[in-house]
N, C-alpha and C. Protein backbone atom coordinates (compact mmCIF):
# COMPACT_ATOMS: atom_id res chain seq x y z
N MET A 1 56.71 67.11 12.41
CA MET A 1 57.33 66.58 11.23
C MET A 1 58.74 67.18 11.11
N LYS A 2 59.66 66.33 10.80
CA LYS A 2 61.07 66.73 10.70
C LYS A 2 61.32 67.40 9.36
N SER A 3 62.02 68.53 9.37
CA SER A 3 62.32 69.21 8.12
C SER A 3 63.53 68.56 7.43
N ARG A 4 63.63 68.81 6.12
CA ARG A 4 64.74 68.24 5.33
C ARG A 4 66.06 68.88 5.74
N GLU A 5 67.10 68.05 5.79
CA GLU A 5 68.43 68.56 6.15
C GLU A 5 69.26 68.87 4.92
N HIS A 6 69.07 68.09 3.84
CA HIS A 6 69.90 68.27 2.64
C HIS A 6 69.02 68.32 1.40
N GLY A 7 69.31 69.25 0.51
CA GLY A 7 68.64 69.31 -0.78
C GLY A 7 67.20 69.75 -0.71
N GLU A 8 66.58 69.72 -1.90
CA GLU A 8 65.19 70.08 -2.02
C GLU A 8 64.40 68.87 -2.47
N SER A 9 63.11 68.87 -2.20
CA SER A 9 62.25 67.79 -2.60
C SER A 9 62.14 67.76 -4.13
N LYS A 10 62.10 66.57 -4.69
CA LYS A 10 61.97 66.43 -6.14
C LYS A 10 60.51 66.49 -6.57
N VAL A 11 59.60 66.47 -5.62
CA VAL A 11 58.18 66.50 -5.94
C VAL A 11 57.77 67.96 -6.22
N SER A 12 57.25 68.16 -7.42
CA SER A 12 56.78 69.48 -7.82
C SER A 12 55.40 69.32 -8.43
N VAL A 13 54.83 70.42 -8.85
CA VAL A 13 53.52 70.37 -9.49
C VAL A 13 53.59 69.55 -10.76
N VAL A 14 54.69 69.66 -11.50
CA VAL A 14 54.84 68.91 -12.74
C VAL A 14 54.90 67.41 -12.47
N VAL A 15 55.62 67.01 -11.43
CA VAL A 15 55.73 65.60 -11.08
C VAL A 15 54.37 65.03 -10.67
N VAL A 16 53.63 65.77 -9.88
CA VAL A 16 52.30 65.32 -9.46
C VAL A 16 51.39 65.25 -10.68
N TRP A 17 51.45 66.25 -11.57
CA TRP A 17 50.63 66.24 -12.78
C TRP A 17 50.96 65.04 -13.64
N GLU A 18 52.24 64.74 -13.83
CA GLU A 18 52.64 63.60 -14.64
C GLU A 18 52.18 62.29 -14.00
N PHE A 19 52.24 62.20 -12.67
CA PHE A 19 51.76 60.99 -11.99
C PHE A 19 50.29 60.76 -12.26
N PHE A 20 49.46 61.80 -12.09
CA PHE A 20 48.03 61.64 -12.33
C PHE A 20 47.74 61.41 -13.82
N SER A 21 48.53 62.00 -14.69
CA SER A 21 48.37 61.75 -16.12
C SER A 21 48.64 60.29 -16.45
N LEU A 22 49.70 59.74 -15.88
CA LEU A 22 50.02 58.33 -16.10
C LEU A 22 48.94 57.42 -15.53
N LEU A 23 48.40 57.79 -14.38
CA LEU A 23 47.34 57.00 -13.76
C LEU A 23 46.09 56.99 -14.62
N VAL A 24 45.69 58.16 -15.12
CA VAL A 24 44.52 58.25 -16.00
C VAL A 24 44.79 57.50 -17.30
N ASN A 25 45.98 57.62 -17.82
CA ASN A 25 46.34 56.92 -19.07
C ASN A 25 46.27 55.41 -18.88
N LYS A 26 46.70 54.94 -17.72
CA LYS A 26 46.66 53.50 -17.43
C LYS A 26 45.21 53.00 -17.36
N LEU A 27 44.34 53.83 -16.77
CA LEU A 27 42.93 53.42 -16.61
C LEU A 27 42.11 53.58 -17.90
N LEU A 28 42.32 54.67 -18.63
CA LEU A 28 41.46 54.97 -19.77
C LEU A 28 42.20 55.04 -21.10
N GLY A 29 43.51 54.88 -21.09
CA GLY A 29 44.32 55.08 -22.29
C GLY A 29 43.99 54.19 -23.46
N LYS A 30 43.48 52.99 -23.20
CA LYS A 30 43.17 52.12 -24.33
C LYS A 30 41.85 52.51 -25.01
N TYR A 31 41.05 53.37 -24.35
CA TYR A 31 39.80 53.85 -24.92
C TYR A 31 39.93 55.23 -25.54
N VAL A 32 40.58 56.13 -24.83
CA VAL A 32 40.73 57.52 -25.26
C VAL A 32 42.17 57.94 -25.02
N PRO A 33 42.85 58.50 -26.01
CA PRO A 33 44.24 58.93 -25.81
C PRO A 33 44.34 60.04 -24.76
N LEU A 34 45.39 59.99 -23.99
CA LEU A 34 45.60 60.95 -22.90
C LEU A 34 45.70 62.38 -23.43
N LYS A 35 46.40 62.57 -24.53
CA LYS A 35 46.54 63.92 -25.07
C LYS A 35 45.20 64.51 -25.46
N PHE A 36 44.31 63.69 -25.97
CA PHE A 36 42.96 64.16 -26.30
C PHE A 36 42.21 64.55 -25.04
N MET A 37 42.29 63.76 -23.98
CA MET A 37 41.62 64.08 -22.73
C MET A 37 42.15 65.39 -22.15
N LEU A 38 43.46 65.61 -22.25
CA LEU A 38 44.03 66.86 -21.76
C LEU A 38 43.56 68.04 -22.59
N PHE A 39 43.52 67.85 -23.89
CA PHE A 39 43.06 68.91 -24.79
C PHE A 39 41.62 69.28 -24.51
N VAL A 40 40.77 68.30 -24.27
CA VAL A 40 39.37 68.54 -23.94
C VAL A 40 39.24 69.25 -22.57
N ALA A 41 40.04 68.82 -21.61
CA ALA A 41 40.01 69.46 -20.27
C ALA A 41 40.42 70.92 -20.36
N VAL A 42 41.44 71.22 -21.14
CA VAL A 42 41.85 72.61 -21.32
C VAL A 42 40.76 73.39 -22.05
N GLY A 43 40.11 72.77 -23.03
CA GLY A 43 38.99 73.41 -23.72
C GLY A 43 37.85 73.77 -22.79
N PHE A 44 37.53 72.86 -21.86
CA PHE A 44 36.49 73.17 -20.88
C PHE A 44 36.88 74.33 -19.97
N THR A 45 38.14 74.40 -19.59
CA THR A 45 38.56 75.55 -18.78
C THR A 45 38.41 76.83 -19.58
N GLY A 46 38.64 76.77 -20.89
CA GLY A 46 38.44 77.93 -21.74
C GLY A 46 37.00 78.40 -21.77
N VAL A 47 36.06 77.45 -21.75
CA VAL A 47 34.64 77.80 -21.70
C VAL A 47 34.33 78.54 -20.41
N PHE A 48 34.83 78.01 -19.29
CA PHE A 48 34.57 78.65 -18.00
C PHE A 48 35.24 80.02 -17.89
N VAL A 49 36.47 80.14 -18.40
CA VAL A 49 37.17 81.43 -18.39
C VAL A 49 36.39 82.43 -19.25
N HIS A 50 35.93 81.99 -20.40
CA HIS A 50 35.16 82.87 -21.28
C HIS A 50 33.88 83.34 -20.61
N MET A 51 33.14 82.42 -20.04
CA MET A 51 31.85 82.79 -19.43
C MET A 51 32.06 83.69 -18.20
N ALA A 52 33.08 83.41 -17.42
CA ALA A 52 33.36 84.25 -16.25
C ALA A 52 33.76 85.66 -16.67
N THR A 53 34.62 85.77 -17.68
CA THR A 53 35.04 87.08 -18.16
C THR A 53 33.86 87.82 -18.78
N LEU A 54 33.03 87.12 -19.53
CA LEU A 54 31.86 87.75 -20.14
C LEU A 54 30.90 88.24 -19.08
N TYR A 55 30.67 87.45 -18.04
CA TYR A 55 29.77 87.86 -16.98
C TYR A 55 30.30 89.11 -16.26
N ILE A 56 31.57 89.09 -15.94
CA ILE A 56 32.17 90.23 -15.22
C ILE A 56 32.11 91.50 -16.07
N THR A 57 32.51 91.40 -17.34
CA THR A 57 32.56 92.61 -18.16
C THR A 57 31.18 93.09 -18.59
N ASN A 58 30.27 92.17 -18.89
CA ASN A 58 28.97 92.58 -19.41
C ASN A 58 27.96 92.88 -18.28
N GLN A 59 27.92 92.03 -17.29
CA GLN A 59 26.89 92.20 -16.25
C GLN A 59 27.34 93.09 -15.09
N ILE A 60 28.56 92.93 -14.66
CA ILE A 60 29.03 93.71 -13.50
C ILE A 60 29.57 95.05 -13.93
N MET A 61 30.45 95.07 -14.95
CA MET A 61 31.06 96.32 -15.38
C MET A 61 30.21 97.08 -16.39
N GLN A 62 29.11 96.45 -16.86
CA GLN A 62 28.16 97.06 -17.78
C GLN A 62 28.77 97.48 -19.12
N TRP A 63 29.74 96.69 -19.63
CA TRP A 63 30.27 96.96 -20.96
C TRP A 63 29.23 96.55 -21.99
N GLN A 64 29.28 97.15 -23.17
CA GLN A 64 28.44 96.69 -24.27
C GLN A 64 28.84 95.27 -24.60
N PHE A 65 27.87 94.50 -25.08
CA PHE A 65 28.10 93.07 -25.29
C PHE A 65 29.26 92.80 -26.27
N ILE A 66 29.32 93.58 -27.34
CA ILE A 66 30.34 93.31 -28.36
C ILE A 66 31.74 93.46 -27.80
N TYR A 67 31.96 94.44 -26.93
CA TYR A 67 33.28 94.64 -26.31
C TYR A 67 33.56 93.57 -25.27
N ALA A 68 32.54 93.25 -24.48
CA ALA A 68 32.71 92.20 -23.45
C ALA A 68 32.99 90.86 -24.11
N GLN A 69 32.27 90.56 -25.19
CA GLN A 69 32.47 89.30 -25.91
C GLN A 69 33.88 89.22 -26.51
N SER A 70 34.32 90.32 -27.11
CA SER A 70 35.64 90.33 -27.73
C SER A 70 36.74 90.11 -26.69
N LEU A 71 36.64 90.80 -25.57
CA LEU A 71 37.65 90.60 -24.50
C LEU A 71 37.57 89.19 -23.95
N SER A 72 36.38 88.66 -23.78
CA SER A 72 36.21 87.30 -23.25
C SER A 72 36.83 86.26 -24.16
N VAL A 73 36.63 86.41 -25.46
CA VAL A 73 37.22 85.50 -26.44
C VAL A 73 38.75 85.59 -26.36
N PHE A 74 39.28 86.79 -26.29
CA PHE A 74 40.73 86.97 -26.22
C PHE A 74 41.30 86.35 -24.95
N VAL A 75 40.67 86.56 -23.80
CA VAL A 75 41.16 86.02 -22.53
C VAL A 75 41.10 84.49 -22.56
N ALA A 76 40.01 83.93 -23.08
CA ALA A 76 39.88 82.46 -23.14
C ALA A 76 40.91 81.86 -24.08
N MET A 77 41.13 82.49 -25.24
CA MET A 77 42.14 81.98 -26.17
C MET A 77 43.54 82.04 -25.54
N THR A 78 43.82 83.11 -24.83
CA THR A 78 45.14 83.24 -24.20
C THR A 78 45.33 82.19 -23.12
N SER A 79 44.33 82.00 -22.27
CA SER A 79 44.46 81.00 -21.22
C SER A 79 44.57 79.59 -21.80
N ASN A 80 43.82 79.30 -22.85
CA ASN A 80 43.92 77.98 -23.49
C ASN A 80 45.30 77.77 -24.09
N TYR A 81 45.87 78.80 -24.70
CA TYR A 81 47.21 78.65 -25.29
C TYR A 81 48.22 78.28 -24.21
N PHE A 82 48.22 79.04 -23.11
CA PHE A 82 49.23 78.81 -22.09
C PHE A 82 48.99 77.49 -21.34
N LEU A 83 47.73 77.12 -21.11
CA LEU A 83 47.46 75.83 -20.48
C LEU A 83 47.85 74.66 -21.40
N ASN A 84 47.52 74.78 -22.67
CA ASN A 84 47.93 73.72 -23.60
C ASN A 84 49.45 73.63 -23.71
N ASN A 85 50.12 74.77 -23.69
CA ASN A 85 51.58 74.77 -23.75
C ASN A 85 52.16 74.09 -22.51
N ALA A 86 51.56 74.32 -21.36
CA ALA A 86 52.09 73.77 -20.12
C ALA A 86 51.74 72.30 -19.91
N PHE A 87 50.52 71.91 -20.29
CA PHE A 87 50.09 70.55 -19.94
C PHE A 87 49.91 69.62 -21.14
N THR A 88 49.17 70.04 -22.13
CA THR A 88 48.86 69.13 -23.24
C THR A 88 50.08 68.86 -24.10
N PHE A 89 50.81 69.90 -24.46
CA PHE A 89 51.98 69.75 -25.32
C PHE A 89 53.25 69.89 -24.51
N ASN A 90 53.27 69.27 -23.35
CA ASN A 90 54.44 69.36 -22.45
C ASN A 90 55.70 68.83 -23.10
N ASP A 91 55.58 67.84 -23.98
CA ASP A 91 56.75 67.25 -24.62
C ASP A 91 57.38 68.17 -25.67
N SER A 92 56.60 69.10 -26.22
CA SER A 92 57.15 70.05 -27.19
C SER A 92 56.83 71.49 -26.78
N LYS A 93 56.93 71.73 -25.50
CA LYS A 93 56.55 73.02 -24.93
C LYS A 93 57.51 74.14 -25.36
N HIS A 94 56.93 75.31 -25.62
CA HIS A 94 57.74 76.49 -25.97
C HIS A 94 58.17 77.18 -24.68
N THR A 95 59.38 77.70 -24.68
CA THR A 95 59.90 78.39 -23.49
C THR A 95 60.52 79.71 -23.91
N GLY A 96 60.75 80.54 -22.91
CA GLY A 96 61.43 81.82 -23.14
C GLY A 96 60.62 82.75 -24.04
N ILE A 97 61.34 83.46 -24.87
CA ILE A 97 60.71 84.44 -25.75
C ILE A 97 59.84 83.77 -26.80
N PHE A 98 60.11 82.51 -27.12
CA PHE A 98 59.32 81.79 -28.12
C PHE A 98 57.88 81.61 -27.69
N VAL A 99 57.64 81.55 -26.37
CA VAL A 99 56.26 81.45 -25.89
C VAL A 99 55.46 82.64 -26.36
N PHE A 100 56.03 83.82 -26.25
CA PHE A 100 55.30 85.02 -26.61
C PHE A 100 55.20 85.20 -28.13
N LYS A 101 56.25 84.81 -28.85
CA LYS A 101 56.20 84.88 -30.31
C LYS A 101 55.11 83.93 -30.86
N ARG A 102 55.12 82.71 -30.34
CA ARG A 102 54.13 81.73 -30.81
C ARG A 102 52.74 82.09 -30.36
N SER A 103 52.59 82.60 -29.13
CA SER A 103 51.25 82.97 -28.67
C SER A 103 50.72 84.14 -29.47
N TYR A 104 51.59 85.09 -29.85
CA TYR A 104 51.15 86.20 -30.67
C TYR A 104 50.61 85.70 -32.00
N LYS A 105 51.34 84.80 -32.64
CA LYS A 105 50.92 84.24 -33.92
C LYS A 105 49.61 83.46 -33.77
N PHE A 106 49.52 82.63 -32.74
CA PHE A 106 48.32 81.84 -32.45
C PHE A 106 47.12 82.74 -32.23
N LEU A 107 47.27 83.75 -31.36
CA LEU A 107 46.17 84.66 -31.05
C LEU A 107 45.79 85.51 -32.26
N TYR A 108 46.76 85.90 -33.05
CA TYR A 108 46.48 86.69 -34.24
C TYR A 108 45.56 85.92 -35.18
N TYR A 109 45.89 84.68 -35.47
CA TYR A 109 45.08 83.88 -36.40
C TYR A 109 43.71 83.57 -35.82
N LEU A 110 43.65 83.24 -34.54
CA LEU A 110 42.35 82.94 -33.96
C LEU A 110 41.47 84.17 -33.87
N PHE A 111 42.05 85.30 -33.47
CA PHE A 111 41.26 86.50 -33.33
C PHE A 111 40.82 87.03 -34.70
N THR A 112 41.63 86.80 -35.74
CA THR A 112 41.23 87.16 -37.10
C THR A 112 40.00 86.34 -37.50
N GLY A 113 40.02 85.06 -37.19
CA GLY A 113 38.88 84.21 -37.46
C GLY A 113 37.64 84.64 -36.70
N TYR A 114 37.83 84.99 -35.43
CA TYR A 114 36.72 85.47 -34.62
C TYR A 114 36.13 86.75 -35.21
N THR A 115 37.02 87.65 -35.62
CA THR A 115 36.56 88.91 -36.20
C THR A 115 35.77 88.67 -37.48
N ASN A 116 36.29 87.78 -38.33
CA ASN A 116 35.58 87.47 -39.57
C ASN A 116 34.23 86.82 -39.30
N GLN A 117 34.15 86.01 -38.29
CA GLN A 117 32.92 85.29 -38.00
C GLN A 117 31.88 86.20 -37.37
N CYS A 118 32.25 86.94 -36.36
CA CYS A 118 31.26 87.62 -35.54
C CYS A 118 31.09 89.10 -35.77
N LEU A 119 32.09 89.77 -36.29
CA LEU A 119 32.00 91.22 -36.38
C LEU A 119 31.67 91.76 -37.76
N CYS A 120 31.34 90.89 -38.69
CA CYS A 120 30.92 91.33 -40.02
C CYS A 120 29.51 91.88 -39.89
N GLY A 121 29.32 93.13 -40.19
CA GLY A 121 28.09 93.83 -39.91
C GLY A 121 26.82 93.23 -40.49
N HIS A 122 26.83 92.79 -41.73
CA HIS A 122 25.59 92.30 -42.34
C HIS A 122 25.21 90.91 -41.88
N ASN A 123 26.08 90.24 -41.18
CA ASN A 123 25.80 88.87 -40.78
C ASN A 123 25.52 88.74 -39.28
N CYS A 124 25.53 89.85 -38.55
CA CYS A 124 25.32 89.80 -37.12
C CYS A 124 24.13 90.67 -36.73
N GLU A 125 23.46 90.25 -35.70
CA GLU A 125 22.33 91.00 -35.22
C GLU A 125 22.25 90.77 -33.71
N PHE A 126 21.81 91.77 -32.99
CA PHE A 126 21.67 91.61 -31.54
C PHE A 126 20.21 91.38 -31.21
N ALA A 127 19.97 90.35 -30.42
CA ALA A 127 18.63 90.07 -29.89
C ALA A 127 18.75 90.20 -28.37
N GLY A 128 18.48 91.35 -27.85
CA GLY A 128 18.68 91.60 -26.42
C GLY A 128 20.16 91.66 -26.14
N ASN A 129 20.63 90.76 -25.29
CA ASN A 129 22.04 90.71 -24.92
C ASN A 129 22.79 89.61 -25.67
N VAL A 130 22.18 89.01 -26.67
CA VAL A 130 22.78 87.87 -27.35
C VAL A 130 23.05 88.24 -28.81
N MET A 131 24.24 87.91 -29.27
CA MET A 131 24.60 88.15 -30.66
C MET A 131 24.14 86.94 -31.47
N VAL A 132 23.35 87.19 -32.51
CA VAL A 132 22.88 86.13 -33.39
C VAL A 132 23.66 86.27 -34.68
N VAL A 133 24.40 85.22 -35.05
CA VAL A 133 25.25 85.25 -36.24
C VAL A 133 24.53 84.53 -37.37
N GLY A 134 24.50 85.15 -38.53
CA GLY A 134 23.97 84.48 -39.72
C GLY A 134 22.46 84.49 -39.84
N ARG A 135 21.78 85.33 -39.12
CA ARG A 135 20.32 85.37 -39.20
C ARG A 135 19.86 85.80 -40.58
N HIS A 136 20.62 86.68 -41.25
CA HIS A 136 20.23 87.20 -42.56
C HIS A 136 20.79 86.38 -43.71
N SER A 137 21.39 85.25 -43.44
CA SER A 137 22.08 84.53 -44.51
C SER A 137 21.21 83.48 -45.17
N ARG A 138 19.90 83.54 -45.02
CA ARG A 138 19.02 82.56 -45.67
C ARG A 138 18.73 82.97 -47.11
N GLY A 139 19.72 82.85 -47.95
CA GLY A 139 19.55 83.15 -49.35
C GLY A 139 19.66 84.61 -49.71
N GLN A 140 19.91 85.48 -48.75
CA GLN A 140 20.04 86.89 -49.06
C GLN A 140 21.28 87.45 -48.39
N LEU A 141 21.90 88.39 -49.03
CA LEU A 141 23.11 89.01 -48.48
C LEU A 141 22.84 90.42 -48.05
């Protein structure tokens, strides 16, 4: 194969991604909006990132579940933020220092919600390796 003599190829990962996005939009766009499909795909990657991080920290590294779960939630939220910034919200993507400012704010609010939901002592209970939330909330506090 002959190498290029002048310039660089215009084909990049972004161009290939946009091509496949347009192709999927052409095939399924009248049924489901493309942005929604991208958002769902990024959400699924977050589930896999969370489960992989939880498995590594809890099963392999033998961390206590509460610490492994907290780190897994943080890693999944971070990966989802950056993937959504790169792919789902490509038209209004944050760049430079704003990426970190916005991600800090995003992660702060999400992690605050996670803390309120799961780490409140009277509402959580451990059953083996699984955290059960709200078991004591049947009419009693």
